Amino acid sequence: MDIEEVKLIDLEIAKFVFSKREFQDLMNTKALRRPECFYELWTLKESFVKAIGKGLSFPFDSFSMKLDSAGWRPITENNEIYYFRQYDIDISYRMAVCTKNNNFCEEVKFLTEESLSNLMLSVYQN
């Protein structure tokens, strides 16, 4: 899972963190939509490298993400199947989740600090 705030960014960084194909796709989108697309792609890629247990040590430019009829897919050398889900949580944020099973919650639930504390206490007490 990854969540990022959409903010102004120098899109030149995309040349170094995305594959050539992804960078080209990004540059082919409308200029006003590019920052949003950058973060959509970034969260998808980061959720994937976390799912495979590599984290940010796995170079983002070593694989590409592809959108097909089944949804987003990483293009990798192994044939393992991963599933992705993107959630709209706020106009200023992008969130993506990646798993090896296709079992996602339907919505993101927001917790206050107090409700999270209570939840943690009940888990700890049981």
N, C-alpha and C. Protein backbone atom coordinates (compact mmCIF):
# COMPACT_ATOMS: atom_id res chain seq x y z
N MET A 1 0.84 -1.16 0.00
CA MET A 1 0.00 0.00 0.00
C MET A 1 0.89 1.23 0.00
N ASP A 2 0.47 2.22 -0.74
CA ASP A 2 1.17 3.49 -0.72
C ASP A 2 0.15 4.61 -0.88
N ILE A 3 0.42 5.69 -0.20
CA ILE A 3 -0.41 6.89 -0.32
C ILE A 3 0.52 8.08 -0.43
N GLU A 4 0.18 8.98 -1.34
CA GLU A 4 1.01 10.16 -1.59
C GLU A 4 0.12 11.37 -1.78
N GLU A 5 0.61 12.50 -1.29
CA GLU A 5 -0.07 13.76 -1.53
C GLU A 5 0.31 14.26 -2.93
N VAL A 6 -0.68 14.67 -3.69
CA VAL A 6 -0.43 15.21 -5.02
C VAL A 6 -0.03 16.67 -4.85
N LYS A 7 1.20 16.97 -5.23
CA LYS A 7 1.69 18.34 -5.13
C LYS A 7 2.55 18.63 -6.35
N LEU A 8 2.86 19.89 -6.53
CA LEU A 8 3.70 20.26 -7.67
C LEU A 8 5.03 19.53 -7.57
N ILE A 9 5.49 19.03 -8.71
CA ILE A 9 6.73 18.29 -8.74
C ILE A 9 7.41 18.56 -10.08
N ASP A 10 8.71 18.56 -10.05
CA ASP A 10 9.48 18.69 -11.29
C ASP A 10 9.40 17.33 -11.99
N LEU A 11 8.67 17.27 -13.06
CA LEU A 11 8.44 15.99 -13.74
C LEU A 11 9.69 15.42 -14.39
N GLU A 12 10.78 16.16 -14.41
CA GLU A 12 12.04 15.63 -14.91
C GLU A 12 12.50 14.42 -14.10
N ILE A 13 12.08 14.38 -12.82
CA ILE A 13 12.44 13.24 -11.97
C ILE A 13 11.86 11.95 -12.54
N ALA A 14 10.74 12.05 -13.25
CA ALA A 14 10.11 10.87 -13.83
C ALA A 14 11.05 10.15 -14.81
N LYS A 15 11.94 10.89 -15.45
CA LYS A 15 12.91 10.27 -16.36
C LYS A 15 13.80 9.27 -15.64
N PHE A 16 14.04 9.51 -14.37
CA PHE A 16 14.97 8.69 -13.61
C PHE A 16 14.31 7.61 -12.76
N VAL A 17 13.02 7.77 -12.48
CA VAL A 17 12.35 6.80 -11.62
C VAL A 17 11.35 5.91 -12.34
N PHE A 18 10.95 6.29 -13.54
CA PHE A 18 10.02 5.48 -14.31
C PHE A 18 10.73 4.87 -15.50
N SER A 19 10.14 3.81 -16.04
CA SER A 19 10.69 3.22 -17.26
C SER A 19 10.49 4.21 -18.42
N LYS A 20 11.20 3.99 -19.51
CA LYS A 20 11.06 4.86 -20.69
C LYS A 20 9.63 4.88 -21.19
N ARG A 21 9.00 3.71 -21.18
CA ARG A 21 7.61 3.60 -21.65
C ARG A 21 6.67 4.42 -20.77
N GLU A 22 6.85 4.31 -19.45
CA GLU A 22 5.99 5.04 -18.53
C GLU A 22 6.21 6.55 -18.65
N PHE A 23 7.46 6.95 -18.80
CA PHE A 23 7.76 8.37 -18.95
C PHE A 23 7.09 8.92 -20.21
N GLN A 24 7.17 8.15 -21.29
CA GLN A 24 6.53 8.57 -22.55
C GLN A 24 5.02 8.67 -22.37
N ASP A 25 4.43 7.69 -21.70
CA ASP A 25 2.98 7.73 -21.44
C ASP A 25 2.62 8.96 -20.61
N LEU A 26 3.43 9.25 -19.61
CA LEU A 26 3.19 10.42 -18.75
C LEU A 26 3.25 11.71 -19.56
N MET A 27 4.24 11.82 -20.41
CA MET A 27 4.40 13.03 -21.21
C MET A 27 3.31 13.17 -22.28
N ASN A 28 2.66 12.06 -22.62
CA ASN A 28 1.58 12.09 -23.60
C ASN A 28 0.24 12.48 -22.99
N THR A 29 0.18 12.58 -21.66
CA THR A 29 -1.07 13.03 -21.02
C THR A 29 -1.13 14.56 -21.06
N LYS A 30 -2.29 15.09 -20.87
CA LYS A 30 -2.45 16.56 -20.86
C LYS A 30 -1.61 17.14 -19.73
N ALA A 31 -0.99 18.27 -20.01
CA ALA A 31 -0.04 18.89 -19.07
C ALA A 31 -0.64 19.11 -17.68
N LEU A 32 -1.88 19.54 -17.61
CA LEU A 32 -2.50 19.80 -16.31
C LEU A 32 -2.72 18.53 -15.50
N ARG A 33 -2.82 17.41 -16.17
CA ARG A 33 -3.09 16.14 -15.49
C ARG A 33 -1.80 15.37 -15.13
N ARG A 34 -0.66 15.82 -15.62
CA ARG A 34 0.59 15.09 -15.41
C ARG A 34 0.96 14.89 -13.94
N PRO A 35 0.88 15.91 -13.08
CA PRO A 35 1.23 15.64 -11.67
C PRO A 35 0.36 14.56 -11.05
N GLU A 36 -0.94 14.59 -11.32
CA GLU A 36 -1.86 13.57 -10.80
C GLU A 36 -1.47 12.19 -11.33
N CYS A 37 -1.19 12.11 -12.63
CA CYS A 37 -0.79 10.83 -13.24
C CYS A 37 0.53 10.33 -12.67
N PHE A 38 1.46 11.27 -12.43
CA PHE A 38 2.74 10.89 -11.83
C PHE A 38 2.50 10.17 -10.50
N TYR A 39 1.66 10.74 -9.65
CA TYR A 39 1.42 10.14 -8.33
C TYR A 39 0.58 8.87 -8.41
N GLU A 40 -0.30 8.77 -9.38
CA GLU A 40 -1.04 7.52 -9.57
C GLU A 40 -0.06 6.40 -9.90
N LEU A 41 0.83 6.67 -10.83
CA LEU A 41 1.81 5.67 -11.23
C LEU A 41 2.80 5.37 -10.09
N TRP A 42 3.24 6.42 -9.42
CA TRP A 42 4.18 6.23 -8.31
C TRP A 42 3.57 5.32 -7.23
N THR A 43 2.32 5.57 -6.84
CA THR A 43 1.71 4.76 -5.78
C THR A 43 1.50 3.32 -6.22
N LEU A 44 1.17 3.13 -7.50
CA LEU A 44 1.05 1.76 -8.01
C LEU A 44 2.39 1.03 -7.93
N LYS A 45 3.43 1.69 -8.38
CA LYS A 45 4.75 1.07 -8.40
C LYS A 45 5.27 0.81 -6.98
N GLU A 46 5.07 1.79 -6.10
CA GLU A 46 5.55 1.60 -4.73
C GLU A 46 4.77 0.51 -4.02
N SER A 47 3.46 0.43 -4.25
CA SER A 47 2.68 -0.64 -3.62
C SER A 47 3.15 -2.01 -4.13
N PHE A 48 3.55 -2.09 -5.39
CA PHE A 48 4.05 -3.35 -5.95
C PHE A 48 5.38 -3.76 -5.32
N VAL A 49 6.33 -2.84 -5.24
CA VAL A 49 7.64 -3.23 -4.69
C VAL A 49 7.53 -3.57 -3.21
N LYS A 50 6.57 -2.98 -2.51
CA LYS A 50 6.32 -3.37 -1.12
C LYS A 50 5.72 -4.78 -1.08
N ALA A 51 4.79 -5.07 -2.00
CA ALA A 51 4.14 -6.38 -2.03
C ALA A 51 5.13 -7.51 -2.31
N ILE A 52 6.16 -7.23 -3.11
CA ILE A 52 7.15 -8.28 -3.40
C ILE A 52 8.28 -8.28 -2.38
N GLY A 53 8.17 -7.41 -1.37
CA GLY A 53 9.13 -7.41 -0.28
C GLY A 53 10.44 -6.71 -0.57
N LYS A 54 10.48 -5.88 -1.60
CA LYS A 54 11.72 -5.21 -1.97
C LYS A 54 11.78 -3.77 -1.48
N GLY A 55 10.65 -3.12 -1.39
CA GLY A 55 10.65 -1.72 -0.99
C GLY A 55 11.38 -0.85 -2.00
N LEU A 56 11.80 0.30 -1.55
CA LEU A 56 12.41 1.26 -2.46
C LEU A 56 13.81 0.87 -2.90
N SER A 57 14.33 -0.26 -2.41
CA SER A 57 15.64 -0.73 -2.90
C SER A 57 15.52 -1.34 -4.29
N PHE A 58 14.29 -1.64 -4.72
CA PHE A 58 14.03 -2.20 -6.04
C PHE A 58 13.85 -1.04 -7.01
N PRO A 59 14.70 -0.92 -8.03
CA PRO A 59 14.63 0.25 -8.92
C PRO A 59 13.30 0.33 -9.67
N PHE A 60 12.65 1.48 -9.55
CA PHE A 60 11.36 1.70 -10.20
C PHE A 60 11.48 1.65 -11.72
N ASP A 61 12.63 1.98 -12.25
CA ASP A 61 12.77 1.97 -13.71
C ASP A 61 13.09 0.58 -14.26
N SER A 62 13.15 -0.44 -13.38
CA SER A 62 13.46 -1.79 -13.83
C SER A 62 12.22 -2.58 -14.26
N PHE A 63 11.04 -1.99 -14.10
CA PHE A 63 9.80 -2.63 -14.54
C PHE A 63 8.81 -1.55 -14.93
N SER A 64 7.82 -1.93 -15.69
CA SER A 64 6.79 -0.99 -16.13
C SER A 64 5.43 -1.45 -15.64
N MET A 65 4.55 -0.49 -15.48
CA MET A 65 3.16 -0.78 -15.17
C MET A 65 2.38 -0.62 -16.47
N LYS A 66 1.41 -1.50 -16.67
CA LYS A 66 0.61 -1.48 -17.89
C LYS A 66 -0.86 -1.59 -17.50
N LEU A 67 -1.69 -0.79 -18.13
CA LEU A 67 -3.13 -0.87 -17.91
C LEU A 67 -3.73 -1.68 -19.04
N ASP A 68 -4.42 -2.78 -18.67
CA ASP A 68 -5.11 -3.59 -19.68
C ASP A 68 -6.53 -3.84 -19.22
N SER A 69 -7.24 -4.70 -19.90
CA SER A 69 -8.65 -4.93 -19.58
C SER A 69 -8.86 -5.51 -18.18
N ALA A 70 -7.84 -6.15 -17.63
CA ALA A 70 -7.93 -6.73 -16.29
C ALA A 70 -7.50 -5.75 -15.20
N GLY A 71 -7.06 -4.57 -15.59
CA GLY A 71 -6.59 -3.58 -14.62
C GLY A 71 -5.10 -3.36 -14.76
N TRP A 72 -4.49 -2.76 -13.74
CA TRP A 72 -3.06 -2.50 -13.77
C TRP A 72 -2.28 -3.77 -13.54
N ARG A 73 -1.19 -3.93 -14.27
CA ARG A 73 -0.31 -5.08 -14.15
C ARG A 73 1.14 -4.63 -14.25
N PRO A 74 2.01 -5.20 -13.42
CA PRO A 74 3.43 -4.93 -13.62
C PRO A 74 3.96 -5.81 -14.75
N ILE A 75 4.82 -5.27 -15.54
CA ILE A 75 5.46 -6.07 -16.59
C ILE A 75 6.81 -6.50 -16.03
N THR A 76 6.91 -7.75 -15.63
CA THR A 76 8.13 -8.27 -15.01
C THR A 76 8.54 -9.54 -15.72
N GLU A 77 9.71 -10.05 -15.35
CA GLU A 77 10.20 -11.27 -15.98
C GLU A 77 9.52 -12.51 -15.44
N ASN A 78 9.07 -12.49 -14.19
CA ASN A 78 8.36 -13.67 -13.69
C ASN A 78 6.88 -13.53 -14.03
N ASN A 79 6.17 -14.60 -13.98
CA ASN A 79 4.76 -14.59 -14.40
C ASN A 79 3.80 -14.54 -13.23
N GLU A 80 4.27 -14.12 -12.06
CA GLU A 80 3.38 -14.04 -10.92
C GLU A 80 2.31 -12.97 -11.17
N ILE A 81 1.14 -13.24 -10.65
CA ILE A 81 0.03 -12.32 -10.85
C ILE A 81 -0.18 -11.50 -9.59
N TYR A 82 -0.29 -10.20 -9.77
CA TYR A 82 -0.57 -9.28 -8.68
C TYR A 82 -1.82 -8.48 -9.03
N TYR A 83 -2.55 -8.09 -8.00
CA TYR A 83 -3.77 -7.32 -8.19
C TYR A 83 -3.60 -5.95 -7.56
N PHE A 84 -4.19 -4.96 -8.19
CA PHE A 84 -4.07 -3.58 -7.74
C PHE A 84 -5.45 -2.97 -7.56
N ARG A 85 -5.52 -2.07 -6.60
CA ARG A 85 -6.74 -1.29 -6.41
C ARG A 85 -6.31 0.12 -6.03
N GLN A 86 -6.91 1.09 -6.68
CA GLN A 86 -6.67 2.48 -6.33
C GLN A 86 -7.93 3.01 -5.66
N TYR A 87 -7.73 3.80 -4.63
CA TYR A 87 -8.84 4.36 -3.87
C TYR A 87 -8.82 5.88 -3.96
N ASP A 88 -10.00 6.45 -4.09
CA ASP A 88 -10.15 7.91 -4.02
C ASP A 88 -10.41 8.25 -2.56
N ILE A 89 -9.42 8.83 -1.93
CA ILE A 89 -9.61 9.18 -0.52
C ILE A 89 -9.73 10.68 -0.31
N ASP A 90 -9.19 11.43 -1.24
CA ASP A 90 -9.23 12.89 -1.15
C ASP A 90 -8.73 13.41 -2.49
N ILE A 91 -9.16 14.58 -2.87
CA ILE A 91 -8.75 15.14 -4.16
C ILE A 91 -7.24 15.38 -4.21
N SER A 92 -6.62 15.55 -3.06
CA SER A 92 -5.18 15.87 -3.01
C SER A 92 -4.29 14.67 -2.75
N TYR A 93 -4.85 13.47 -2.71
CA TYR A 93 -4.05 12.28 -2.41
C TYR A 93 -4.36 11.16 -3.38
N ARG A 94 -3.36 10.33 -3.61
CA ARG A 94 -3.51 9.12 -4.41
C ARG A 94 -3.10 7.94 -3.55
N MET A 95 -3.84 6.85 -3.64
CA MET A 95 -3.56 5.66 -2.85
C MET A 95 -3.70 4.44 -3.73
N ALA A 96 -2.78 3.50 -3.57
CA ALA A 96 -2.83 2.23 -4.31
C ALA A 96 -2.47 1.09 -3.37
N VAL A 97 -3.11 -0.04 -3.60
CA VAL A 97 -2.86 -1.26 -2.83
C VAL A 97 -2.55 -2.37 -3.82
N CYS A 98 -1.56 -3.20 -3.49
CA CYS A 98 -1.18 -4.34 -4.33
C CYS A 98 -1.16 -5.59 -3.47
N THR A 99 -1.76 -6.68 -3.98
CA THR A 99 -1.75 -7.96 -3.27
C THR A 99 -1.64 -9.10 -4.28
N LYS A 100 -1.37 -10.29 -3.75
CA LYS A 100 -1.34 -11.47 -4.60
C LYS A 100 -2.71 -12.12 -4.70
N ASN A 101 -3.66 -11.64 -3.92
CA ASN A 101 -5.03 -12.15 -4.06
C ASN A 101 -5.93 -10.97 -4.41
N ASN A 102 -7.05 -11.27 -4.96
CA ASN A 102 -7.94 -10.21 -5.45
C ASN A 102 -9.04 -9.91 -4.44
N ASN A 103 -8.62 -9.75 -3.17
CA ASN A 103 -9.57 -9.53 -2.10
C ASN A 103 -9.31 -8.17 -1.47
N PHE A 104 -10.06 -7.18 -1.90
CA PHE A 104 -9.89 -5.80 -1.43
C PHE A 104 -11.12 -5.34 -0.68
N CYS A 105 -10.92 -4.44 0.27
CA CYS A 105 -12.08 -3.82 0.90
C CYS A 105 -12.69 -2.84 -0.09
N GLU A 106 -13.96 -2.60 0.07
CA GLU A 106 -14.68 -1.74 -0.88
C GLU A 106 -14.37 -0.27 -0.69
N GLU A 107 -14.07 0.11 0.55
CA GLU A 107 -13.83 1.52 0.80
C GLU A 107 -12.77 1.67 1.89
N VAL A 108 -12.19 2.85 1.93
CA VAL A 108 -11.21 3.19 2.95
C VAL A 108 -11.96 3.82 4.11
N LYS A 109 -11.68 3.35 5.32
CA LYS A 109 -12.32 3.92 6.49
C LYS A 109 -11.33 4.84 7.19
N PHE A 110 -11.80 6.01 7.54
CA PHE A 110 -10.97 6.99 8.22
C PHE A 110 -11.22 6.88 9.72
N LEU A 111 -10.14 6.86 10.48
CA LEU A 111 -10.24 6.78 11.93
C LEU A 111 -9.67 8.04 12.55
N THR A 112 -10.34 8.49 13.59
CA THR A 112 -9.78 9.58 14.37
C THR A 112 -8.68 9.01 15.25
N GLU A 113 -7.88 9.88 15.81
CA GLU A 113 -6.83 9.42 16.72
C GLU A 113 -7.44 8.66 17.90
N GLU A 114 -8.56 9.16 18.39
CA GLU A 114 -9.21 8.51 19.52
C GLU A 114 -9.74 7.13 19.14
N SER A 115 -10.41 7.01 18.00
CA SER A 115 -10.95 5.70 17.62
C SER A 115 -9.83 4.71 17.31
N LEU A 116 -8.72 5.19 16.77
CA LEU A 116 -7.57 4.31 16.54
C LEU A 116 -6.98 3.84 17.86
N SER A 117 -6.88 4.74 18.82
CA SER A 117 -6.39 4.40 20.16
C SER A 117 -7.27 3.33 20.79
N ASN A 118 -8.57 3.52 20.69
CA ASN A 118 -9.51 2.55 21.26
C ASN A 118 -9.39 1.20 20.57
N LEU A 119 -9.24 1.22 19.27
CA LEU A 119 -9.08 -0.02 18.52
C LEU A 119 -7.81 -0.75 18.96
N MET A 120 -6.71 -0.01 19.08
CA MET A 120 -5.43 -0.61 19.49
C MET A 120 -5.53 -1.17 20.91
N LEU A 121 -6.22 -0.45 21.79
CA LEU A 121 -6.41 -0.93 23.17
C LEU A 121 -7.19 -2.22 23.20
N SER A 122 -8.25 -2.29 22.41
CA SER A 122 -9.08 -3.51 22.41
C SER A 122 -8.29 -4.70 21.84
N VAL A 123 -7.47 -4.46 20.84
CA VAL A 123 -6.65 -5.54 20.28
C VAL A 123 -5.62 -5.99 21.31
N TYR A 124 -5.01 -5.04 21.99
CA TYR A 124 -3.98 -5.35 22.98
C TYR A 124 -4.57 -6.11 24.16
N GLN A 125 -5.79 -5.74 24.58
CA GLN A 125 -6.42 -6.37 25.74
C GLN A 125 -6.90 -7.78 25.43
N ASN A 126 -7.15 -8.06 24.18
CA ASN A 126 -7.62 -9.41 23.81
C ASN A 126 -6.44 -10.23 23.50
